[in-house]
C-alpha atoms as a PDB file:
ATOM      1  CA  UNK A   1     129.193 101.512  88.261  1.00  0.00           C
ATOM      2  CA  UNK A   2     130.008  97.839  87.756  1.00  0.00           C
ATOM      3  CA  UNK A   3     129.079  96.825  84.202  1.00  0.00           C
ATOM      4  CA  UNK A   4     128.056  93.269  85.143  1.00  0.00           C
ATOM      5  CA  UNK A   5     126.120  94.150  88.314  1.00  0.00           C
ATOM      6  CA  UNK A   6     122.423  93.410  88.526  1.00  0.00           C
ATOM      7  CA  UNK A   7     120.074  96.245  89.456  1.00  0.00           C
ATOM      8  CA  UNK A   8     119.704  94.805  92.962  1.00  0.00           C
ATOM      9  CA  UNK A   9     123.483  95.120  93.420  1.00  0.00           C
ATOM     10  CA  UNK A  10     123.676  98.706  92.167  1.00  0.00           C
ATOM     11  CA  UNK A  11     123.616 101.660  94.543  1.00  0.00           C
ATOM     12  CA  UNK A  12     120.920 104.294  94.246  1.00  0.00           C
ATOM     13  CA  UNK A  13     123.545 106.578  92.704  1.00  0.00           C
ATOM     14  CA  UNK A  14     124.349 103.931  90.100  1.00  0.00           C
ATOM     15  CA  UNK A  15     120.674 103.475  89.275  1.00  0.00           C
ATOM     16  CA  UNK A  16     120.064 107.194  88.933  1.00  0.00           C
ATOM     17  CA  UNK A  17     123.098 107.484  86.656  1.00  0.00           C
ATOM     18  CA  UNK A  18     121.858 104.521  84.606  1.00  0.00           C
ATOM     19  CA  UNK A  19     118.397 106.093  84.353  1.00  0.00           C
ATOM     20  CA  UNK A  20     119.853 108.842  82.159  1.00  0.00           C
ATOM     21  CA  UNK A  21     120.022 106.330  79.308  1.00  0.00           C
ATOM     22  CA  UNK A  22     117.597 103.727  80.660  1.00  0.00           C
ATOM     23  CA  UNK A  23     114.789 105.654  82.408  1.00  0.00           C
ATOM     24  CA  UNK A  24     113.173 102.433  83.658  1.00  0.00           C
ATOM     25  CA  UNK A  25     116.196 101.935  85.977  1.00  0.00           C
ATOM     26  CA  UNK A  26     114.750 104.676  88.193  1.00  0.00           C
ATOM     27  CA  UNK A  27     111.935 102.243  88.987  1.00  0.00           C
ATOM     28  CA  UNK A  28     114.364 100.339  91.205  1.00  0.00           C
ATOM     29  CA  UNK A  29     114.943 103.495  93.269  1.00  0.00           C
ATOM     30  CA  UNK A  30     111.171 103.784  93.622  1.00  0.00           C
ATOM     31  CA  UNK A  31     110.866 100.120  94.617  1.00  0.00           C
ATOM     32  CA  UNK A  32     113.544 100.530  97.287  1.00  0.00           C
ATOM     33  CA  UNK A  33     112.253 103.684  98.929  1.00  0.00           C
ATOM     34  CA  UNK A  34     108.577 104.336  98.131  1.00  0.00           C
ATOM     35  CA  UNK A  35     107.257 102.518 101.212  1.00  0.00           C
ATOM     36  CA  UNK A  36     109.614 104.415 103.518  1.00  0.00           C
ATOM     37  CA  UNK A  37     108.745 107.794 101.990  1.00  0.00           C
ATOM     38  CA  UNK A  38     105.026 106.966 102.080  1.00  0.00           C
ATOM     39  CA  UNK A  39     105.243 105.993 105.758  1.00  0.00           C
ATOM     40  CA  UNK A  40     106.961 109.301 106.566  1.00  0.00           C
ATOM     41  CA  UNK A  41     104.393 111.308 104.609  1.00  0.00           C
ATOM     42  CA  UNK A  42     101.445 109.347 106.075  1.00  0.00           C
ATOM     43  CA  UNK A  43     102.597 110.173 109.551  1.00  0.00           C
ATOM     44  CA  UNK A  44     102.731 113.836 108.652  1.00  0.00           C
ATOM     45  CA  UNK A  45      99.540 114.344 106.589  1.00  0.00           C
ATOM     46  CA  UNK A  46      97.533 111.116 106.564  1.00  0.00           C
ATOM     47  CA  UNK A  47      97.432 108.195 104.171  1.00  0.00           C
ATOM     48  CA  UNK A  48      95.285 109.697 101.420  1.00  0.00           C
ATOM     49  CA  UNK A  49      97.399 112.792 100.909  1.00  0.00           C
ATOM     50  CA  UNK A  50     100.559 110.703 101.392  1.00  0.00           C
ATOM     51  CA  UNK A  51      99.630 108.625  98.336  1.00  0.00           C
ATOM     52  CA  UNK A  52      99.640 111.753  96.171  1.00  0.00           C
ATOM     53  CA  UNK A  53     102.724 113.245  97.797  1.00  0.00           C
ATOM     54  CA  UNK A  54     104.696 110.006  97.446  1.00  0.00           C
ATOM     55  CA  UNK A  55     103.921 109.933  93.732  1.00  0.00           C
ATOM     56  CA  UNK A  56     104.811 113.626  93.461  1.00  0.00           C
ATOM     57  CA  UNK A  57     108.071 113.055  95.377  1.00  0.00           C
ATOM     58  CA  UNK A  58     109.231 110.391  92.955  1.00  0.00           C
ATOM     59  CA  UNK A  59     108.037 112.327  89.905  1.00  0.00           C
ATOM     60  CA  UNK A  60     110.014 115.347  91.110  1.00  0.00           C
ATOM     61  CA  UNK A  61     113.027 113.122  91.824  1.00  0.00           C
ATOM     62  CA  UNK A  62     112.807 111.566  88.367  1.00  0.00           C
ATOM     63  CA  UNK A  63     112.574 114.944  86.666  1.00  0.00           C
ATOM     64  CA  UNK A  64     115.491 116.375  88.653  1.00  0.00           C
ATOM     65  CA  UNK A  65     117.672 113.252  88.649  1.00  0.00           C
ATOM     66  CA  UNK A  66     120.274 114.883  86.408  1.00  0.00           C
ATOM     67  CA  UNK A  67     121.167 117.117  89.367  1.00  0.00           C
ATOM     68  CA  UNK A  68     121.669 114.195  91.760  1.00  0.00           C
ATOM     69  CA  UNK A  69     125.246 113.666  92.977  1.00  0.00           C
ATOM     70  CA  UNK A  70     125.702 110.065  91.809  1.00  0.00           C
ATOM     71  CA  UNK A  71     128.720 109.663  94.104  1.00  0.00           C
ATOM     72  CA  UNK A  72     126.191 109.442  96.935  1.00  0.00           C
ATOM     73  CA  UNK A  73     125.208 105.775  97.068  1.00  0.00           C
ATOM     74  CA  UNK A  74     122.038 106.317  99.163  1.00  0.00           C
ATOM     75  CA  UNK A  75     119.249 108.478  97.687  1.00  0.00           C
ATOM     76  CA  UNK A  76     116.949 108.341 100.717  1.00  0.00           C
ATOM     77  CA  UNK A  77     118.082 111.655 102.282  1.00  0.00           C
ATOM     78  CA  UNK A  78     117.601 113.338  98.885  1.00  0.00           C
ATOM     79  CA  UNK A  79     114.105 111.844  98.617  1.00  0.00           C
ATOM     80  CA  UNK A  80     113.249 112.950 102.171  1.00  0.00           C
ATOM     81  CA  UNK A  81     114.345 116.452 101.197  1.00  0.00           C
ATOM     82  CA  UNK A  82     112.022 116.467  98.189  1.00  0.00           C
ATOM     83  CA  UNK A  83     109.176 115.117 100.336  1.00  0.00           C
ATOM     84  CA  UNK A  84     109.806 117.758 103.019  1.00  0.00           C
ATOM     85  CA  UNK A  85     109.724 120.501 100.385  1.00  0.00           C
ATOM     86  CA  UNK A  86     106.422 119.185  99.043  1.00  0.00           C
ATOM     87  CA  UNK A  87     105.034 119.049 102.583  1.00  0.00           C
ATOM     88  CA  UNK A  88     105.589 122.770 102.973  1.00  0.00           C
ATOM     89  CA  UNK A  89     102.775 123.237 100.507  1.00  0.00           C
ATOM     90  CA  UNK A  90     100.559 121.086 102.698  1.00  0.00           C
ATOM     91  CA  UNK A  91     101.569 122.445 106.077  1.00  0.00           C
ATOM     92  CA  UNK A  92      98.052 123.612 106.924  1.00  0.00           C
ATOM     93  CA  UNK A  93      96.777 120.033 106.575  1.00  0.00           C
ATOM     94  CA  UNK A  94      99.480 118.769 108.904  1.00  0.00           C
ATOM     95  CA  UNK A  95      98.788 121.512 111.466  1.00  0.00           C
ATOM     96  CA  UNK A  96      95.043 120.749 111.361  1.00  0.00           C
ATOM     97  CA  UNK A  97      95.836 117.059 111.904  1.00  0.00           C
ATOM     98  CA  UNK A  98      97.915 117.854 115.006  1.00  0.00           C
ATOM     99  CA  UNK A  99      95.174 120.139 116.313  1.00  0.00           C
ATOM    100  CA  UNK A 100      92.613 117.343 115.795  1.00  0.00           C
ATOM    101  CA  UNK A 101      94.887 114.908 117.604  1.00  0.00           C
ATOM    102  CA  UNK A 102      95.287 117.421 120.417  1.00  0.00           C
ATOM    103  CA  UNK A 103      91.495 117.695 120.757  1.00  0.00           C
ATOM    104  CA  UNK A 104      90.590 114.018 120.443  1.00  0.00           C
ATOM    105  CA  UNK A 105      93.684 111.932 121.143  1.00  0.00           C
ATOM    106  CA  UNK A 106      92.969 109.978 117.922  1.00  0.00           C
ATOM    107  CA  UNK A 107      95.737 109.805 115.343  1.00  0.00           C
ATOM    108  CA  UNK A 108      93.685 109.755 112.149  1.00  0.00           C
ATOM    109  CA  UNK A 109      96.807 109.248 110.040  1.00  0.00           C
ATOM    110  CA  UNK A 110      97.425 105.808 111.505  1.00  0.00           C
ATOM    111  CA  UNK A 111      94.197 104.623 113.071  1.00  0.00           C
ATOM    112  CA  UNK A 112      91.754 102.204 111.476  1.00  0.00           C
ATOM    113  CA  UNK A 113      88.099 102.039 112.566  1.00  0.00           C
ATOM    114  CA  UNK A 114      88.736  99.701 115.525  1.00  0.00           C
ATOM    115  CA  UNK A 115      91.738 101.791 116.558  1.00  0.00           C
ATOM    116  CA  UNK A 116      89.603 104.934 116.478  1.00  0.00           C
ATOM    117  CA  UNK A 117      86.976 103.409 118.748  1.00  0.00           C
ATOM    118  CA  UNK A 118      89.630 102.226 121.197  1.00  0.00           C
ATOM    119  CA  UNK A 119      91.441 105.536 121.031  1.00  0.00           C
ATOM    120  CA  UNK A 120      88.254 107.451 121.867  1.00  0.00           C
ATOM    121  CA  UNK A 121      87.949 105.402 125.022  1.00  0.00           C
ATOM    122  CA  UNK A 122      91.650 105.519 125.954  1.00  0.00           C
ATOM    123  CA  UNK A 123      92.659 108.998 124.706  1.00  0.00           C
ATOM    124  CA  UNK A 124      95.293 110.424 126.978  1.00  0.00           C
ATOM    125  CA  UNK A 125      95.876 113.994 128.029  1.00  0.00           C
ATOM    126  CA  UNK A 126      99.567 113.578 127.284  1.00  0.00           C
ATOM    127  CA  UNK A 127      98.884 112.647 123.657  1.00  0.00           C
ATOM    128  CA  UNK A 128      96.628 115.671 123.247  1.00  0.00           C
ATOM    129  CA  UNK A 129      99.181 117.948 124.884  1.00  0.00           C
ATOM    130  CA  UNK A 130     101.967 116.570 122.670  1.00  0.00           C
ATOM    131  CA  UNK A 131      99.930 116.994 119.497  1.00  0.00           C
ATOM    132  CA  UNK A 132      99.050 120.536 120.511  1.00  0.00           C
ATOM    133  CA  UNK A 133     102.729 121.291 121.050  1.00  0.00           C
ATOM    134  CA  UNK A 134     103.637 119.737 117.678  1.00  0.00           C
ATOM    135  CA  UNK A 135     101.049 121.922 115.980  1.00  0.00           C
ATOM    136  CA  UNK A 136     102.695 125.001 117.477  1.00  0.00           C
ATOM    137  CA  UNK A 137     106.221 124.175 116.299  1.00  0.00           C
ATOM    138  CA  UNK A 138     107.411 126.202 113.348  1.00  0.00           C
ATOM    139  CA  UNK A 139     107.871 124.391 110.049  1.00  0.00           C
ATOM    140  CA  UNK A 140     111.653 124.112 110.361  1.00  0.00           C
ATOM    141  CA  UNK A 141     111.495 122.633 113.853  1.00  0.00           C
ATOM    142  CA  UNK A 142     108.774 120.174 112.849  1.00  0.00           C
ATOM    143  CA  UNK A 143     110.672 119.073 109.725  1.00  0.00           C
ATOM    144  CA  UNK A 144     113.852 118.378 111.707  1.00  0.00           C
ATOM    145  CA  UNK A 145     111.997 116.673 114.553  1.00  0.00           C
ATOM    146  CA  UNK A 146     109.988 114.359 112.316  1.00  0.00           C
ATOM    147  CA  UNK A 147     112.927 113.455 110.085  1.00  0.00           C
ATOM    148  CA  UNK A 148     114.919 112.448 113.167  1.00  0.00           C
ATOM    149  CA  UNK A 149     112.175 110.834 115.241  1.00  0.00           C
ATOM    150  CA  UNK A 150     109.961 109.280 112.569  1.00  0.00           C
ATOM    151  CA  UNK A 151     112.255 108.790 109.597  1.00  0.00           C
ATOM    152  CA  UNK A 152     115.207 107.895 111.849  1.00  0.00           C
ATOM    153  CA  UNK A 153     117.646 110.034 109.845  1.00  0.00           C
ATOM    154  CA  UNK A 154     120.970 111.104 111.327  1.00  0.00           C
ATOM    155  CA  UNK A 155     121.846 114.778 111.768  1.00  0.00           C
ATOM    156  CA  UNK A 156     123.971 114.808 108.584  1.00  0.00           C
ATOM    157  CA  UNK A 157     121.160 113.120 106.631  1.00  0.00           C
ATOM    158  CA  UNK A 158     118.627 115.672 107.889  1.00  0.00           C
ATOM    159  CA  UNK A 159     121.025 118.471 106.949  1.00  0.00           C
ATOM    160  CA  UNK A 160     121.350 116.993 103.466  1.00  0.00           C
ATOM    161  CA  UNK A 161     117.618 116.382 103.108  1.00  0.00           C
ATOM    162  CA  UNK A 162     116.683 119.938 104.069  1.00  0.00           C
ATOM    163  CA  UNK A 163     119.708 121.668 102.579  1.00  0.00           C
ATOM    164  CA  UNK A 164     120.720 123.252 105.898  1.00  0.00           C
ATOM    165  CA  UNK A 165     123.894 123.122 108.003  1.00  0.00           C
ATOM    166  CA  UNK A 166     124.205 120.475 110.741  1.00  0.00           C
ATOM    167  CA  UNK A 167     124.345 123.292 113.308  1.00  0.00           C
ATOM    168  CA  UNK A 168     120.907 124.429 112.186  1.00  0.00           C
ATOM    169  CA  UNK A 169     119.619 120.864 112.539  1.00  0.00           C
ATOM    170  CA  UNK A 170     120.944 120.780 116.107  1.00  0.00           C
ATOM    171  CA  UNK A 171     119.508 124.171 117.052  1.00  0.00           C
ATOM    172  CA  UNK A 172     116.079 123.418 115.545  1.00  0.00           C
ATOM    173  CA  UNK A 173     115.955 120.049 117.295  1.00  0.00           C
ATOM    174  CA  UNK A 174     117.035 121.626 120.588  1.00  0.00           C
ATOM    175  CA  UNK A 175     114.357 124.305 120.246  1.00  0.00           C
ATOM    176  CA  UNK A 176     111.665 121.739 119.353  1.00  0.00           C
ATOM    177  CA  UNK A 177     112.606 119.516 122.302  1.00  0.00           C
ATOM    178  CA  UNK A 178     112.570 122.493 124.681  1.00  0.00           C
ATOM    179  CA  UNK A 179     109.111 123.555 123.494  1.00  0.00           C
ATOM    180  CA  UNK A 180     107.767 119.986 123.722  1.00  0.00           C
ATOM    181  CA  UNK A 181     109.166 119.551 127.246  1.00  0.00           C
ATOM    182  CA  UNK A 182     107.507 122.796 128.326  1.00  0.00           C
ATOM    183  CA  UNK A 183     104.162 121.612 126.938  1.00  0.00           C
ATOM    184  CA  UNK A 184     104.433 118.030 128.223  1.00  0.00           C
ATOM    185  CA  UNK A 185     106.880 118.025 131.172  1.00  0.00           C
ATOM    186  CA  UNK A 186     106.733 114.263 131.837  1.00  0.00           C
ATOM    187  CA  UNK A 187     107.288 113.297 128.211  1.00  0.00           C
ATOM    188  CA  UNK A 188     110.333 111.093 127.493  1.00  0.00           C
ATOM    189  CA  UNK A 189     112.070 112.774 124.569  1.00  0.00           C
ATOM    190  CA  UNK A 190     115.075 110.476 124.507  1.00  0.00           C
ATOM    191  CA  UNK A 191     113.571 107.827 122.217  1.00  0.00           C
ATOM    192  CA  UNK A 192     114.666 108.722 118.731  1.00  0.00           C
ATOM    193  CA  UNK A 193     115.172 112.454 119.172  1.00  0.00           C
ATOM    194  CA  UNK A 194     118.011 112.655 121.667  1.00  0.00           C
ATOM    195  CA  UNK A 195     121.091 114.733 120.997  1.00  0.00           C
ATOM    196  CA  UNK A 196     123.894 113.080 119.067  1.00  0.00           C
END
């Protein structure tokens, strides 16, 4: 850690290390990544629950920061891992949301009132079929798929976030893609979730 660096110039690892003696330094990690983590969680369980889970993610991160490998300059994969672990406790909510999307074609996690009205009119069979297929994925497949497609993490970052080998990331993604293709044959799965 550079002694004369400003907080904006410090890596996440530096800030977490600094937070051992200056706990308020962890606030910069929150400022950098809270919006990204909230967006990921909102997509999975809706905005209301995402508010609570984002706060819980950063509280858990703060409490466990002494175990963070400060040689890792980027804390985002670590934070995604914490968020994914917290989501496991809320998996039923996520599954219900995908089932609702499958029935109605309306993504309640992202849609405002006007969007909901438009979506009711324009709901597509493909969206419903995709949501139904997502609801049927097992937790491991869904975690890998969403971290790659929604959070835009690389395979190594997903492996780090979930604490699994890269080979497991690849096999879960392959399995998820195969199941989604079977459910929605004309779906383009190359945008964001293609093989590396």
